[in-house]
Amino acid sequence: MKKIPKATYRSVEDLDRYIAEREAEAAKLPPGGPRQSVLMEVSKLRIYADVKRLLKPETRREVS
């Protein structure tokens, strides 16, 4: 399994591309441990990308 890249330094678009690559790789693997490991990595990265999307300055709401 590849090491998870430093997600903190990647843009949301880069994370989305990486997630798509990892999902394609997982689809090629047979059911079992290695596939589950890749899918867990993908789910963690997807959550992180969603958080980054929510915290983007242009999408964040000002608190009054």
Protein backbone atom coordinates (compact mmCIF):
# COMPACT_ATOMS: atom_id res chain seq x y z
CA MET A 1 0.00 0.00 0.00
CA LYS A 2 1.20 3.49 -0.78
CA LYS A 3 1.81 5.93 2.00
CA ILE A 4 -0.91 8.59 2.30
CA PRO A 5 0.45 11.85 0.87
CA LYS A 6 0.60 14.95 3.03
CA ALA A 7 -3.04 15.93 2.57
CA THR A 8 -2.54 19.19 4.44
CA TYR A 9 -0.43 20.55 1.59
CA ARG A 10 -2.74 19.45 -1.23
CA SER A 11 -5.59 21.41 -2.73
CA VAL A 12 -9.11 20.00 -2.73
CA GLU A 13 -8.84 19.36 -6.46
CA ASP A 14 -5.59 17.43 -5.98
CA LEU A 15 -7.19 15.38 -3.23
CA ASP A 16 -10.19 14.62 -5.45
CA ARG A 17 -7.88 13.40 -8.24
CA TYR A 18 -5.87 11.26 -5.81
CA ILE A 19 -9.07 9.81 -4.35
CA ALA A 20 -10.27 8.86 -7.85
CA GLU A 21 -6.94 7.14 -8.56
CA ARG A 22 -7.10 5.17 -5.32
CA GLU A 23 -10.73 4.17 -5.95
CA ALA A 24 -9.75 2.87 -9.40
CA GLU A 25 -6.92 0.91 -7.81
CA ALA A 26 -9.28 -0.54 -5.19
CA ALA A 27 -11.71 -1.64 -7.90
CA LYS A 28 -8.95 -3.77 -9.44
CA LEU A 29 -8.12 -5.54 -6.17
CA PRO A 30 -9.89 -8.73 -5.08
CA PRO A 31 -12.04 -8.56 -1.94
CA GLY A 32 -9.95 -8.80 1.20
CA GLY A 33 -7.53 -6.95 3.42
CA PRO A 34 -5.57 -4.92 0.87
CA ARG A 35 -8.76 -3.65 -0.78
CA GLN A 36 -10.27 -2.71 2.58
CA SER A 37 -7.10 -0.85 3.47
CA VAL A 38 -7.26 1.22 0.28
CA LEU A 39 -10.97 1.92 0.80
CA MET A 40 -10.33 3.08 4.39
CA GLU A 41 -7.61 5.42 3.11
CA VAL A 42 -10.03 6.77 0.49
CA SER A 43 -12.74 7.41 3.07
CA LYS A 44 -10.33 9.30 5.34
CA LEU A 45 -9.07 11.41 2.44
CA ARG A 46 -12.64 12.11 1.29
CA ILE A 47 -13.56 13.39 4.77
CA TYR A 48 -10.44 15.54 4.85
CA ALA A 49 -11.24 16.98 1.41
CA ASP A 50 -14.79 17.77 2.54
CA VAL A 51 -13.48 19.59 5.62
CA LYS A 52 -11.07 21.59 3.47
CA ARG A 53 -13.97 22.45 1.15
CA LEU A 54 -16.03 23.70 4.11
CA LEU A 55 -13.17 25.79 5.48
CA LYS A 56 -12.23 27.50 2.22
CA PRO A 57 -12.29 31.26 2.81
CA GLU A 58 -14.63 32.00 -0.10
CA THR A 59 -17.18 29.42 1.11
CA ARG A 60 -16.94 30.16 4.82
CA ARG A 61 -19.67 32.35 6.28
CA GLU A 62 -18.83 35.30 8.49
CA VAL A 63 -20.09 35.07 12.06
CA SER A 64 -21.86 38.24 13.15
